[in-house]
Amino acid sequence: MQSTLPRIDIEKSYVEERKQLLADAGSKLGYKAGISTSLLSTLISIDIIPFKTDEVNLYKQSKVKTGMWSGTKAWLTWMVCNFLGASLFVFSGIHFGFHDTIFMDVLAFTTGISIIIWLCCVNSLRGHGHRTNFQWKQDWISNYHGLMPDHVLHKAIQIRDAHKDHNPSEPVYFGVDALVAVNENKIRPEPDPFLVVKNNKGEEYYIEQWDEKDLPRIIK
């Protein structure tokens, strides 16, 4: 799956601008300690452009859903079945010409019972039971047990090696931000996770996205 999310608008000249800034700081200010290489400049230097964070956040928000309580589903199911049953009963009476008092008494009785049961079920079923919520969960790449395509793994290794060359004293971390379906104590991963890279300075970038359903299952 090729993600359609837009990537940040930045040119490779950004790296050259930082080098020029370092040169100007040395010649005009006497500052020779150097400028720390940002994570973004490392990414750009190896032709890896992250997704726009704002667009990723909008996409993620569109996938967050709060499921309906199982009790509410049961209540709605009962209401629909009751309505269909009552409609069938009335239609049958009209179709076969049951207009006598007994038919009307039965109809009134069943309607009354249905209303009573409905009132009892409103408070006992609605908002109770269990439900499935869809939410995003980010974890270290070492804790991710889903499938990852080769090109995503290659990019992660490429970023790690380049950042180690540019900034050996600063660690870089990789994570996977995935949509999960949470049902009580059960967590089920959903398609389309993101590869995330970050450092200790607050920089965080979404590098790639993939669909696990498109990947062949490898038997180990």
N, C-alpha and C. Protein backbone atom coordinates (compact mmCIF):
# COMPACT_ATOMS: atom_id res chain seq x y z
N MET A 1 0.84 -1.19 0.00
CA MET A 1 0.00 0.00 0.00
C MET A 1 0.87 1.24 0.00
N GLN A 2 0.63 2.13 -0.92
CA GLN A 2 1.35 3.38 -1.00
C GLN A 2 0.52 4.46 -0.31
N SER A 3 1.04 5.02 0.76
CA SER A 3 0.28 6.02 1.50
C SER A 3 0.10 7.28 0.66
N THR A 4 -1.08 7.87 0.75
CA THR A 4 -1.37 9.11 0.02
C THR A 4 -1.19 10.34 0.89
N LEU A 5 -0.73 10.16 2.12
CA LEU A 5 -0.51 11.31 3.00
C LEU A 5 0.62 12.18 2.46
N PRO A 6 0.46 13.50 2.51
CA PRO A 6 1.52 14.38 1.98
C PRO A 6 2.74 14.41 2.89
N ARG A 7 3.89 14.61 2.28
CA ARG A 7 5.13 14.72 3.04
C ARG A 7 5.51 16.19 3.20
N ILE A 8 6.39 16.47 4.14
CA ILE A 8 6.71 17.86 4.46
C ILE A 8 7.37 18.53 3.27
N ASP A 9 7.15 19.82 3.16
CA ASP A 9 7.70 20.59 2.05
C ASP A 9 9.06 21.16 2.46
N ILE A 10 10.09 20.45 2.14
CA ILE A 10 11.43 20.92 2.49
C ILE A 10 12.40 20.37 1.46
N GLU A 11 13.38 21.19 1.11
CA GLU A 11 14.34 20.79 0.10
C GLU A 11 15.65 20.33 0.75
N LYS A 12 16.43 19.64 -0.02
CA LYS A 12 17.71 19.17 0.48
C LYS A 12 18.65 20.34 0.78
N SER A 13 18.34 21.51 0.25
CA SER A 13 19.16 22.69 0.51
C SER A 13 19.16 23.06 1.98
N TYR A 14 18.17 22.51 2.73
CA TYR A 14 18.10 22.76 4.17
C TYR A 14 19.40 22.35 4.85
N VAL A 15 19.98 21.25 4.42
CA VAL A 15 21.23 20.78 5.01
C VAL A 15 22.36 21.76 4.69
N GLU A 16 22.40 22.23 3.45
CA GLU A 16 23.44 23.18 3.07
C GLU A 16 23.28 24.49 3.83
N GLU A 17 22.05 24.90 4.09
CA GLU A 17 21.81 26.13 4.84
C GLU A 17 22.34 26.01 6.26
N ARG A 18 22.20 24.84 6.84
CA ARG A 18 22.72 24.65 8.20
C ARG A 18 24.25 24.67 8.20
N LYS A 19 24.86 24.12 7.18
CA LYS A 19 26.32 24.16 7.08
C LYS A 19 26.80 25.61 6.94
N GLN A 20 26.04 26.38 6.15
CA GLN A 20 26.41 27.78 5.97
C GLN A 20 26.23 28.56 7.27
N LEU A 21 25.19 28.20 8.01
CA LEU A 21 24.95 28.84 9.31
C LEU A 21 26.12 28.59 10.25
N LEU A 22 26.64 27.36 10.24
CA LEU A 22 27.79 27.02 11.08
C LEU A 22 29.03 27.82 10.66
N ALA A 23 29.21 27.95 9.35
CA ALA A 23 30.36 28.71 8.84
C ALA A 23 30.25 30.18 9.22
N ASP A 24 29.04 30.76 9.08
CA ASP A 24 28.84 32.17 9.44
C ASP A 24 29.03 32.40 10.94
N ALA A 25 28.55 31.44 11.74
CA ALA A 25 28.70 31.57 13.19
C ALA A 25 30.17 31.56 13.59
N GLY A 26 30.98 30.78 12.86
CA GLY A 26 32.41 30.73 13.16
C GLY A 26 33.13 31.98 12.74
N SER A 27 32.82 32.48 11.52
CA SER A 27 33.56 33.64 11.00
C SER A 27 33.08 34.96 11.59
N LYS A 28 31.82 35.08 11.90
CA LYS A 28 31.28 36.37 12.37
C LYS A 28 31.13 36.45 13.89
N LEU A 29 30.97 35.30 14.53
CA LEU A 29 30.75 35.31 15.98
C LEU A 29 31.87 34.63 16.74
N GLY A 30 32.73 33.95 16.04
CA GLY A 30 33.79 33.22 16.71
C GLY A 30 33.30 31.95 17.37
N TYR A 31 32.10 31.53 17.01
CA TYR A 31 31.51 30.32 17.61
C TYR A 31 31.99 29.11 16.83
N LYS A 32 32.75 28.26 17.49
CA LYS A 32 33.34 27.13 16.79
C LYS A 32 32.96 25.78 17.41
N ALA A 33 32.02 25.81 18.36
CA ALA A 33 31.63 24.55 19.01
C ALA A 33 30.81 23.66 18.09
N GLY A 34 30.22 24.27 17.09
CA GLY A 34 29.44 23.50 16.13
C GLY A 34 27.96 23.51 16.45
N ILE A 35 27.19 23.17 15.47
CA ILE A 35 25.74 23.12 15.60
C ILE A 35 25.31 21.67 15.54
N SER A 36 24.56 21.26 16.52
CA SER A 36 24.13 19.86 16.54
C SER A 36 23.27 19.56 15.32
N THR A 37 23.50 18.42 14.76
CA THR A 37 22.74 18.02 13.59
C THR A 37 21.35 17.56 14.01
N SER A 38 20.33 18.19 13.48
CA SER A 38 18.97 17.81 13.84
C SER A 38 18.61 16.48 13.17
N LEU A 39 17.63 15.83 13.74
CA LEU A 39 17.16 14.57 13.17
C LEU A 39 16.59 14.80 11.78
N LEU A 40 15.89 15.93 11.60
CA LEU A 40 15.32 16.22 10.29
C LEU A 40 16.40 16.39 9.24
N SER A 41 17.48 17.08 9.58
CA SER A 41 18.55 17.27 8.59
C SER A 41 19.21 15.95 8.23
N THR A 42 19.29 15.04 9.19
CA THR A 42 19.82 13.71 8.90
C THR A 42 18.92 12.97 7.91
N LEU A 43 17.61 13.07 8.13
CA LEU A 43 16.66 12.41 7.23
C LEU A 43 16.77 12.97 5.81
N ILE A 44 16.85 14.28 5.73
CA ILE A 44 16.91 14.92 4.41
C ILE A 44 18.21 14.57 3.69
N SER A 45 19.29 14.44 4.44
CA SER A 45 20.58 14.14 3.83
C SER A 45 20.61 12.76 3.17
N ILE A 46 19.71 11.88 3.59
CA ILE A 46 19.64 10.53 2.97
C ILE A 46 18.35 10.38 2.16
N ASP A 47 17.78 11.52 1.78
CA ASP A 47 16.61 11.55 0.89
C ASP A 47 15.38 10.84 1.48
N ILE A 48 15.20 10.97 2.76
CA ILE A 48 14.00 10.46 3.41
C ILE A 48 13.19 11.64 3.95
N ILE A 49 12.04 11.85 3.38
CA ILE A 49 11.19 12.98 3.75
C ILE A 49 9.99 12.46 4.55
N PRO A 50 9.82 12.91 5.78
CA PRO A 50 8.72 12.41 6.60
C PRO A 50 7.37 12.94 6.14
N PHE A 51 6.32 12.30 6.62
CA PHE A 51 4.97 12.81 6.39
C PHE A 51 4.76 14.10 7.19
N LYS A 52 3.81 14.91 6.73
CA LYS A 52 3.43 16.09 7.50
C LYS A 52 2.73 15.64 8.78
N THR A 53 3.24 16.09 9.91
CA THR A 53 2.71 15.64 11.20
C THR A 53 1.25 16.03 11.37
N ASP A 54 0.88 17.23 10.94
CA ASP A 54 -0.51 17.68 11.08
C ASP A 54 -1.45 16.78 10.28
N GLU A 55 -1.02 16.40 9.08
CA GLU A 55 -1.86 15.54 8.25
C GLU A 55 -1.97 14.13 8.86
N VAL A 56 -0.88 13.66 9.43
CA VAL A 56 -0.91 12.35 10.08
C VAL A 56 -1.87 12.37 11.27
N ASN A 57 -1.82 13.44 12.05
CA ASN A 57 -2.70 13.55 13.21
C ASN A 57 -4.17 13.59 12.80
N LEU A 58 -4.47 14.28 11.69
CA LEU A 58 -5.85 14.32 11.19
C LEU A 58 -6.29 12.93 10.74
N TYR A 59 -5.40 12.24 10.06
CA TYR A 59 -5.71 10.88 9.61
C TYR A 59 -5.96 9.96 10.80
N LYS A 60 -5.09 10.06 11.78
CA LYS A 60 -5.24 9.20 12.96
C LYS A 60 -6.55 9.50 13.69
N GLN A 61 -6.88 10.78 13.81
CA GLN A 61 -8.11 11.14 14.50
C GLN A 61 -9.33 10.60 13.78
N SER A 62 -9.26 10.52 12.45
CA SER A 62 -10.41 10.02 11.67
C SER A 62 -10.63 8.53 11.90
N LYS A 63 -9.61 7.82 12.38
CA LYS A 63 -9.71 6.38 12.60
C LYS A 63 -10.12 6.02 14.03
N VAL A 64 -10.07 7.01 14.92
CA VAL A 64 -10.44 6.75 16.32
C VAL A 64 -11.96 6.63 16.43
N LYS A 65 -12.41 5.54 16.97
CA LYS A 65 -13.85 5.31 17.10
C LYS A 65 -14.15 4.67 18.46
N THR A 66 -15.29 5.06 19.00
CA THR A 66 -15.77 4.45 20.24
C THR A 66 -16.94 3.55 19.90
N GLY A 67 -16.79 2.27 20.18
CA GLY A 67 -17.82 1.30 19.81
C GLY A 67 -19.07 1.41 20.68
N MET A 68 -20.11 0.78 20.23
CA MET A 68 -21.38 0.76 20.95
C MET A 68 -21.34 -0.34 22.02
N TRP A 69 -21.92 -0.05 23.16
CA TRP A 69 -22.00 -1.05 24.22
C TRP A 69 -22.79 -2.26 23.73
N SER A 70 -22.36 -3.44 24.15
CA SER A 70 -23.07 -4.66 23.74
C SER A 70 -24.50 -4.66 24.26
N GLY A 71 -24.72 -4.08 25.44
CA GLY A 71 -26.08 -3.98 25.97
C GLY A 71 -26.96 -3.11 25.10
N THR A 72 -26.39 -2.02 24.60
CA THR A 72 -27.14 -1.14 23.71
C THR A 72 -27.48 -1.85 22.41
N LYS A 73 -26.52 -2.63 21.89
CA LYS A 73 -26.79 -3.39 20.67
C LYS A 73 -27.93 -4.38 20.89
N ALA A 74 -27.91 -5.04 22.04
CA ALA A 74 -28.98 -5.99 22.34
C ALA A 74 -30.32 -5.29 22.47
N TRP A 75 -30.29 -4.12 23.08
CA TRP A 75 -31.52 -3.34 23.24
C TRP A 75 -32.07 -2.91 21.88
N LEU A 76 -31.19 -2.42 21.01
CA LEU A 76 -31.64 -2.00 19.68
C LEU A 76 -32.13 -3.19 18.86
N THR A 77 -31.41 -4.31 18.98
CA THR A 77 -31.85 -5.52 18.26
C THR A 77 -33.24 -5.95 18.71
N TRP A 78 -33.45 -5.93 20.02
CA TRP A 78 -34.77 -6.30 20.56
C TRP A 78 -35.84 -5.34 20.06
N MET A 79 -35.52 -4.03 20.01
CA MET A 79 -36.49 -3.04 19.55
C MET A 79 -36.88 -3.27 18.10
N VAL A 80 -35.88 -3.57 17.26
CA VAL A 80 -36.15 -3.81 15.84
C VAL A 80 -37.01 -5.06 15.66
N CYS A 81 -36.65 -6.14 16.37
CA CYS A 81 -37.42 -7.38 16.27
C CYS A 81 -38.84 -7.19 16.77
N ASN A 82 -38.98 -6.43 17.83
CA ASN A 82 -40.31 -6.17 18.38
C ASN A 82 -41.17 -5.37 17.40
N PHE A 83 -40.54 -4.39 16.77
CA PHE A 83 -41.26 -3.57 15.81
C PHE A 83 -41.69 -4.40 14.60
N LEU A 84 -40.78 -5.23 14.10
CA LEU A 84 -41.11 -6.06 12.95
C LEU A 84 -42.21 -7.07 13.29
N GLY A 85 -42.12 -7.64 14.49
CA GLY A 85 -43.15 -8.59 14.91
C GLY A 85 -44.51 -7.95 15.04
N ALA A 86 -44.54 -6.76 15.63
CA ALA A 86 -45.81 -6.05 15.78
C ALA A 86 -46.37 -5.66 14.42
N SER A 87 -45.50 -5.22 13.52
CA SER A 87 -45.95 -4.83 12.18
C SER A 87 -46.52 -6.04 11.44
N LEU A 88 -45.86 -7.19 11.57
CA LEU A 88 -46.34 -8.40 10.91
C LEU A 88 -47.69 -8.83 11.49
N PHE A 89 -47.83 -8.67 12.79
CA PHE A 89 -49.08 -9.05 13.45
C PHE A 89 -50.24 -8.16 12.96
N VAL A 90 -50.00 -6.87 12.91
CA VAL A 90 -51.04 -5.94 12.44
C VAL A 90 -51.36 -6.19 10.98
N PHE A 91 -50.32 -6.38 10.17
CA PHE A 91 -50.54 -6.62 8.74
C PHE A 91 -51.35 -7.89 8.52
N SER A 92 -51.03 -8.93 9.28
CA SER A 92 -51.77 -10.18 9.15
C SER A 92 -53.25 -9.98 9.50
N GLY A 93 -53.49 -9.22 10.56
CA GLY A 93 -54.87 -8.98 10.96
C GLY A 93 -55.65 -8.22 9.90
N ILE A 94 -55.00 -7.24 9.33
CA ILE A 94 -55.67 -6.45 8.28
C ILE A 94 -55.88 -7.29 7.03
N HIS A 95 -54.84 -8.08 6.67
CA HIS A 95 -54.90 -8.87 5.45
C HIS A 95 -55.99 -9.94 5.52
N PHE A 96 -56.11 -10.57 6.67
CA PHE A 96 -57.10 -11.65 6.80
C PHE A 96 -58.43 -11.18 7.39
N GLY A 97 -58.56 -9.88 7.58
CA GLY A 97 -59.84 -9.32 8.01
C GLY A 97 -60.19 -9.56 9.47
N PHE A 98 -59.15 -9.65 10.33
CA PHE A 98 -59.42 -9.86 11.75
C PHE A 98 -59.69 -8.52 12.42
N HIS A 99 -60.91 -8.07 12.34
CA HIS A 99 -61.27 -6.78 12.93
C HIS A 99 -62.12 -6.93 14.18
N ASP A 100 -62.24 -8.16 14.66
CA ASP A 100 -63.14 -8.37 15.79
C ASP A 100 -62.49 -7.89 17.08
N THR A 101 -63.25 -7.95 18.15
CA THR A 101 -62.81 -7.43 19.45
C THR A 101 -61.63 -8.22 20.00
N ILE A 102 -61.63 -9.54 19.79
CA ILE A 102 -60.54 -10.37 20.31
C ILE A 102 -59.21 -9.96 19.71
N PHE A 103 -59.20 -9.75 18.40
CA PHE A 103 -57.96 -9.34 17.74
C PHE A 103 -57.46 -8.01 18.30
N MET A 104 -58.37 -7.05 18.47
CA MET A 104 -57.98 -5.74 18.98
C MET A 104 -57.50 -5.84 20.42
N ASP A 105 -58.12 -6.72 21.21
CA ASP A 105 -57.69 -6.90 22.60
C ASP A 105 -56.28 -7.50 22.66
N VAL A 106 -56.04 -8.49 21.80
CA VAL A 106 -54.70 -9.10 21.76
C VAL A 106 -53.66 -8.07 21.33
N LEU A 107 -54.01 -7.26 20.33
CA LEU A 107 -53.10 -6.23 19.86
C LEU A 107 -52.78 -5.23 20.96
N ALA A 108 -53.81 -4.79 21.66
CA ALA A 108 -53.61 -3.84 22.75
C ALA A 108 -52.77 -4.45 23.87
N PHE A 109 -53.03 -5.74 24.19
CA PHE A 109 -52.29 -6.42 25.25
C PHE A 109 -50.81 -6.55 24.90
N THR A 110 -50.54 -7.02 23.68
CA THR A 110 -49.14 -7.21 23.26
C THR A 110 -48.40 -5.87 23.18
N THR A 111 -49.12 -4.83 22.75
CA THR A 111 -48.49 -3.50 22.69
C THR A 111 -48.14 -3.01 24.09
N GLY A 112 -49.06 -3.22 25.02
CA GLY A 112 -48.79 -2.81 26.40
C GLY A 112 -47.63 -3.55 27.01
N ILE A 113 -47.57 -4.88 26.79
CA ILE A 113 -46.46 -5.67 27.31
C ILE A 113 -45.14 -5.20 26.70
N SER A 114 -45.17 -4.90 25.40
CA SER A 114 -43.95 -4.46 24.72
C SER A 114 -43.45 -3.15 25.32
N ILE A 115 -44.37 -2.24 25.63
CA ILE A 115 -43.97 -0.96 26.21
C ILE A 115 -43.34 -1.17 27.59
N ILE A 116 -43.93 -2.06 28.38
CA ILE A 116 -43.41 -2.33 29.72
C ILE A 116 -42.00 -2.92 29.63
N ILE A 117 -41.84 -3.91 28.74
CA ILE A 117 -40.52 -4.55 28.58
C ILE A 117 -39.51 -3.53 28.07
N TRP A 118 -39.95 -2.67 27.15
CA TRP A 118 -39.06 -1.64 26.62
C TRP A 118 -38.57 -0.72 27.71
N LEU A 119 -39.47 -0.29 28.60
CA LEU A 119 -39.09 0.59 29.69
C LEU A 119 -38.13 -0.10 30.65
N CYS A 120 -38.33 -1.38 30.87
CA CYS A 120 -37.43 -2.13 31.76
C CYS A 120 -36.05 -2.30 31.14
N CYS A 121 -36.02 -2.47 29.82
CA CYS A 121 -34.74 -2.72 29.15
C CYS A 121 -33.92 -1.46 28.96
N VAL A 122 -34.58 -0.31 28.92
CA VAL A 122 -33.87 0.93 28.65
C VAL A 122 -32.73 1.13 29.65
N ASN A 123 -33.03 1.01 30.93
CA ASN A 123 -32.04 1.26 31.96
C ASN A 123 -31.13 0.07 32.24
N SER A 124 -31.63 -1.14 31.96
CA SER A 124 -30.84 -2.33 32.28
C SER A 124 -29.84 -2.69 31.20
N LEU A 125 -30.09 -2.29 29.94
CA LEU A 125 -29.21 -2.69 28.85
C LEU A 125 -28.35 -1.56 28.31
N ARG A 126 -28.89 -0.38 28.17
CA ARG A 126 -28.16 0.71 27.54
C ARG A 126 -26.94 1.11 28.38
N GLY A 127 -25.79 1.23 27.72
CA GLY A 127 -24.57 1.65 28.40
C GLY A 127 -23.93 0.57 29.24
N HIS A 128 -24.31 -0.68 29.05
CA HIS A 128 -23.74 -1.76 29.83
C HIS A 128 -23.16 -2.83 28.91
N GLY A 129 -22.37 -3.73 29.52
CA GLY A 129 -21.77 -4.81 28.73
C GLY A 129 -20.34 -4.46 28.35
N HIS A 130 -19.95 -4.79 27.15
CA HIS A 130 -18.60 -4.50 26.66
C HIS A 130 -18.70 -3.84 25.30
N ARG A 131 -17.62 -3.19 24.89
CA ARG A 131 -17.59 -2.55 23.58
C ARG A 131 -16.16 -2.51 23.06
N THR A 132 -16.02 -2.29 21.77
CA THR A 132 -14.71 -2.24 21.14
C THR A 132 -14.38 -0.80 20.77
N ASN A 133 -13.26 -0.30 21.25
CA ASN A 133 -12.80 1.04 20.93
C ASN A 133 -11.58 0.95 20.02
N PHE A 134 -11.53 1.82 19.03
CA PHE A 134 -10.39 1.87 18.12
C PHE A 134 -9.53 3.08 18.51
N GLN A 135 -8.29 2.81 18.89
CA GLN A 135 -7.39 3.87 19.33
C GLN A 135 -5.97 3.57 18.90
N TRP A 136 -5.12 4.62 18.90
CA TRP A 136 -3.74 4.47 18.45
C TRP A 136 -2.85 4.16 19.64
N LYS A 137 -1.91 3.26 19.41
CA LYS A 137 -0.97 2.86 20.46
C LYS A 137 0.43 2.83 19.87
N GLN A 138 1.32 3.61 20.46
CA GLN A 138 2.71 3.65 19.97
C GLN A 138 3.61 2.88 20.93
N ASP A 139 4.44 2.04 20.35
CA ASP A 139 5.35 1.23 21.16
C ASP A 139 6.68 1.11 20.43
N TRP A 140 7.70 0.68 21.16
CA TRP A 140 9.02 0.49 20.55
C TRP A 140 8.94 -0.54 19.44
N ILE A 141 9.78 -0.37 18.45
CA ILE A 141 9.78 -1.29 17.32
C ILE A 141 10.15 -2.71 17.78
N SER A 142 10.92 -2.81 18.84
CA SER A 142 11.31 -4.12 19.35
C SER A 142 10.13 -4.88 19.96
N ASN A 143 9.08 -4.15 20.32
CA ASN A 143 7.89 -4.79 20.90
C ASN A 143 6.79 -5.05 19.87
N TYR A 144 7.06 -4.67 18.62
CA TYR A 144 6.05 -4.84 17.58
C TYR A 144 6.14 -6.25 16.99
N HIS A 145 5.04 -6.96 17.00
CA HIS A 145 5.03 -8.34 16.54
C HIS A 145 4.30 -8.52 15.20
N GLY A 146 3.92 -7.42 14.59
CA GLY A 146 3.27 -7.51 13.29
C GLY A 146 4.29 -7.60 12.16
N LEU A 147 3.80 -7.67 10.94
CA LEU A 147 4.67 -7.75 9.77
C LEU A 147 5.07 -6.35 9.32
N MET A 148 6.32 -6.24 8.85
CA MET A 148 6.82 -4.97 8.30
C MET A 148 7.45 -5.25 6.94
N PRO A 149 7.15 -4.41 5.95
CA PRO A 149 7.75 -4.63 4.62
C PRO A 149 9.25 -4.34 4.62
N ASP A 150 9.93 -4.92 3.67
CA ASP A 150 11.39 -4.79 3.61
C ASP A 150 11.83 -3.33 3.51
N HIS A 151 11.14 -2.55 2.67
CA HIS A 151 11.61 -1.18 2.45
C HIS A 151 11.50 -0.32 3.72
N VAL A 152 10.54 -0.65 4.59
CA VAL A 152 10.41 0.08 5.85
C VAL A 152 11.57 -0.27 6.78
N LEU A 153 11.92 -1.55 6.84
CA LEU A 153 13.05 -1.98 7.67
C LEU A 153 14.36 -1.39 7.15
N HIS A 154 14.50 -1.34 5.83
CA HIS A 154 15.70 -0.76 5.23
C HIS A 154 15.83 0.71 5.62
N LYS A 155 14.72 1.44 5.58
CA LYS A 155 14.76 2.86 5.93
C LYS A 155 15.12 3.06 7.39
N ALA A 156 14.59 2.22 8.27
CA ALA A 156 14.91 2.33 9.68
C ALA A 156 16.40 2.13 9.93
N ILE A 157 16.96 1.12 9.28
CA ILE A 157 18.40 0.86 9.43
C ILE A 157 19.23 1.98 8.83
N GLN A 158 18.77 2.49 7.68
CA GLN A 158 19.47 3.58 7.02
C GLN A 158 19.49 4.83 7.89
N ILE A 159 18.36 5.13 8.52
CA ILE A 159 18.27 6.30 9.40
C ILE A 159 19.19 6.13 10.61
N ARG A 160 19.16 4.95 11.20
CA ARG A 160 20.00 4.69 12.37
C ARG A 160 21.48 4.88 12.04
N ASP A 161 21.93 4.31 10.92
CA ASP A 161 23.34 4.41 10.55
C ASP A 161 23.73 5.86 10.24
N ALA A 162 22.87 6.58 9.52
CA ALA A 162 23.19 7.96 9.16
C ALA A 162 23.21 8.86 10.39
N HIS A 163 22.26 8.66 11.29
CA HIS A 163 22.23 9.49 12.49
C HIS A 163 23.43 9.19 13.39
N LYS A 164 23.85 7.94 13.42
CA LYS A 164 25.02 7.58 14.22
C LYS A 164 26.27 8.24 13.67
N ASP A 165 26.35 8.38 12.36
CA ASP A 165 27.50 9.06 11.73
C ASP A 165 27.47 10.56 12.00
N HIS A 166 26.27 11.16 11.93
CA HIS A 166 26.15 12.61 12.08
C HIS A 166 26.18 13.05 13.53
N ASN A 167 25.61 12.24 14.40
CA ASN A 167 25.48 12.62 15.81
C ASN A 167 25.68 11.39 16.69
N PRO A 168 26.87 10.91 16.81
CA PRO A 168 27.11 9.64 17.52
C PRO A 168 26.74 9.68 19.00
N SER A 169 26.73 10.88 19.60
CA SER A 169 26.45 10.96 21.04
C SER A 169 24.96 11.04 21.34
N GLU A 170 24.14 11.21 20.32
CA GLU A 170 22.70 11.37 20.54
C GLU A 170 21.97 10.12 20.06
N PRO A 171 21.25 9.44 20.95
CA PRO A 171 20.52 8.23 20.53
C PRO A 171 19.30 8.57 19.69
N VAL A 172 18.89 7.63 18.89
CA VAL A 172 17.67 7.77 18.09
C VAL A 172 16.81 6.54 18.35
N TYR A 173 15.51 6.77 18.40
CA TYR A 173 14.60 5.69 18.77
C TYR A 173 13.58 5.45 17.66
N PHE A 174 13.18 4.20 17.52
CA PHE A 174 12.18 3.83 16.52
C PHE A 174 10.97 3.21 17.21
N GLY A 175 9.82 3.58 16.70
CA GLY A 175 8.59 3.03 17.23
C GLY A 175 7.60 2.73 16.13
N VAL A 176 6.54 2.04 16.47
CA VAL A 176 5.45 1.76 15.54
C VAL A 176 4.17 2.30 16.18
N ASP A 177 3.52 3.19 15.46
CA ASP A 177 2.26 3.77 15.92
C ASP A 177 1.14 3.05 15.15
N ALA A 178 0.39 2.22 15.85
CA ALA A 178 -0.59 1.37 15.18
C ALA A 178 -1.98 1.56 15.78
N LEU A 179 -2.97 1.42 14.92
CA LEU A 179 -4.36 1.45 15.37
C LEU A 179 -4.71 0.08 15.91
N VAL A 180 -5.28 0.06 17.11
CA VAL A 180 -5.65 -1.21 17.73
C VAL A 180 -7.11 -1.18 18.13
N ALA A 181 -7.72 -2.35 18.07
CA ALA A 181 -9.10 -2.51 18.53
C ALA A 181 -9.04 -3.07 19.94
N VAL A 182 -9.50 -2.28 20.91
CA VAL A 182 -9.44 -2.67 22.31
C VAL A 182 -10.83 -3.10 22.77
N ASN A 183 -10.96 -4.35 23.13
CA ASN A 183 -12.22 -4.90 23.64
C ASN A 183 -11.95 -5.48 25.01
N GLU A 184 -12.32 -4.73 26.05
CA GLU A 184 -12.01 -5.10 27.43
C GLU A 184 -10.50 -5.33 27.56
N ASN A 185 -10.06 -6.55 27.82
CA ASN A 185 -8.63 -6.82 28.01
C ASN A 185 -7.96 -7.33 26.74
N LYS A 186 -8.70 -7.36 25.63
CA LYS A 186 -8.14 -7.88 24.39
C LYS A 186 -7.73 -6.72 23.48
N ILE A 187 -6.56 -6.84 22.88
CA ILE A 187 -6.07 -5.83 21.95
C ILE A 187 -5.77 -6.50 20.62
N ARG A 188 -6.41 -6.01 19.56
CA ARG A 188 -6.21 -6.58 18.22
C ARG A 188 -5.67 -5.50 17.30
N PRO A 189 -4.50 -5.69 16.69
CA PRO A 189 -3.96 -4.66 15.79
C PRO A 189 -4.79 -4.54 14.52
N GLU A 190 -4.87 -3.33 14.01
CA GLU A 190 -5.57 -3.04 12.77
C GLU A 190 -4.53 -2.69 11.68
N PRO A 191 -4.95 -2.62 10.41
CA PRO A 191 -4.00 -2.31 9.33
C PRO A 191 -3.47 -0.87 9.40
N ASP A 192 -2.48 -0.59 8.58
CA ASP A 192 -1.95 0.75 8.33
C ASP A 192 -1.19 1.37 9.51
N PRO A 193 -0.21 0.67 10.10
CA PRO A 193 0.61 1.30 11.13
C PRO A 193 1.66 2.24 10.53
N PHE A 194 2.29 3.04 11.39
CA PHE A 194 3.32 3.98 10.97
C PHE A 194 4.66 3.61 11.61
N LEU A 195 5.74 3.83 10.87
CA LEU A 195 7.08 3.80 11.44
C LEU A 195 7.40 5.20 11.94
N VAL A 196 7.80 5.31 13.20
CA VAL A 196 8.08 6.60 13.82
C VAL A 196 9.53 6.63 14.28
N VAL A 197 10.20 7.76 14.08
CA VAL A 197 11.55 7.94 14.58
C VAL A 197 11.58 9.20 15.43
N LYS A 198 12.33 9.15 16.54
CA LYS A 198 12.38 10.30 17.46
C LYS A 198 13.73 10.33 18.16
N ASN A 199 14.01 11.49 18.78
CA ASN A 199 15.22 11.62 19.59
C ASN A 199 14.88 12.23 20.94
N ASN A 200 15.90 12.53 21.73
CA ASN A 200 15.67 13.06 23.08
C ASN A 200 15.39 14.56 23.09
N LYS A 201 15.42 15.20 21.92
CA LYS A 201 15.22 16.64 21.85
C LYS A 201 13.80 17.02 21.44
N GLY A 202 12.92 16.05 21.39
CA GLY A 202 11.53 16.35 21.07
C GLY A 202 11.18 16.23 19.61
N GLU A 203 12.14 15.87 18.77
CA GLU A 203 11.84 15.67 17.36
C GLU A 203 11.20 14.30 17.17
N GLU A 204 10.12 14.27 16.43
CA GLU A 204 9.42 13.02 16.15
C GLU A 204 8.84 13.09 14.74
N TYR A 205 9.12 12.09 13.94
CA TYR A 205 8.68 12.11 12.54
C TYR A 205 8.08 10.76 12.15
N TYR A 206 7.04 10.85 11.34
CA TYR A 206 6.40 9.65 10.78
C TYR A 206 7.02 9.39 9.42
N ILE A 207 7.68 8.25 9.29
CA ILE A 207 8.49 7.97 8.11
C ILE A 207 7.73 7.21 7.04
N GLU A 208 7.10 6.11 7.41
CA GLU A 208 6.42 5.26 6.45
C GLU A 208 5.14 4.69 7.05
N GLN A 209 4.27 4.23 6.15
CA GLN A 209 3.02 3.57 6.54
C GLN A 209 2.83 2.37 5.63
N TRP A 210 2.29 1.30 6.18
CA TRP A 210 2.08 0.10 5.38
C TRP A 210 0.83 -0.62 5.84
N ASP A 211 0.38 -1.56 5.02
CA ASP A 211 -0.80 -2.35 5.33
C ASP A 211 -0.36 -3.80 5.49
N GLU A 212 -0.54 -4.33 6.70
CA GLU A 212 -0.10 -5.70 6.96
C GLU A 212 -0.81 -6.72 6.08
N LYS A 213 -2.03 -6.40 5.66
CA LYS A 213 -2.80 -7.34 4.84
C LYS A 213 -2.16 -7.56 3.48
N ASP A 214 -1.33 -6.60 3.04
CA ASP A 214 -0.68 -6.72 1.73
C ASP A 214 0.60 -7.55 1.79
N LEU A 215 1.03 -7.95 2.99
CA LEU A 215 2.31 -8.63 3.13
C LEU A 215 2.12 -10.13 3.22
N PRO A 216 3.00 -10.89 2.57
CA PRO A 216 2.90 -12.37 2.67
C PRO A 216 3.32 -12.83 4.05
N ARG A 217 2.61 -13.78 4.59
CA ARG A 217 2.95 -14.34 5.90
C ARG A 217 4.12 -15.31 5.76
N ILE A 218 5.18 -15.06 6.53
CA ILE A 218 6.38 -15.90 6.47
C ILE A 218 6.32 -16.90 7.63
N ILE A 219 6.43 -18.18 7.30
CA ILE A 219 6.42 -19.22 8.32
C ILE A 219 7.83 -19.40 8.87
N LYS A 220 7.97 -19.19 10.18
CA LYS A 220 9.29 -19.31 10.80
C LYS A 220 9.52 -20.73 11.29
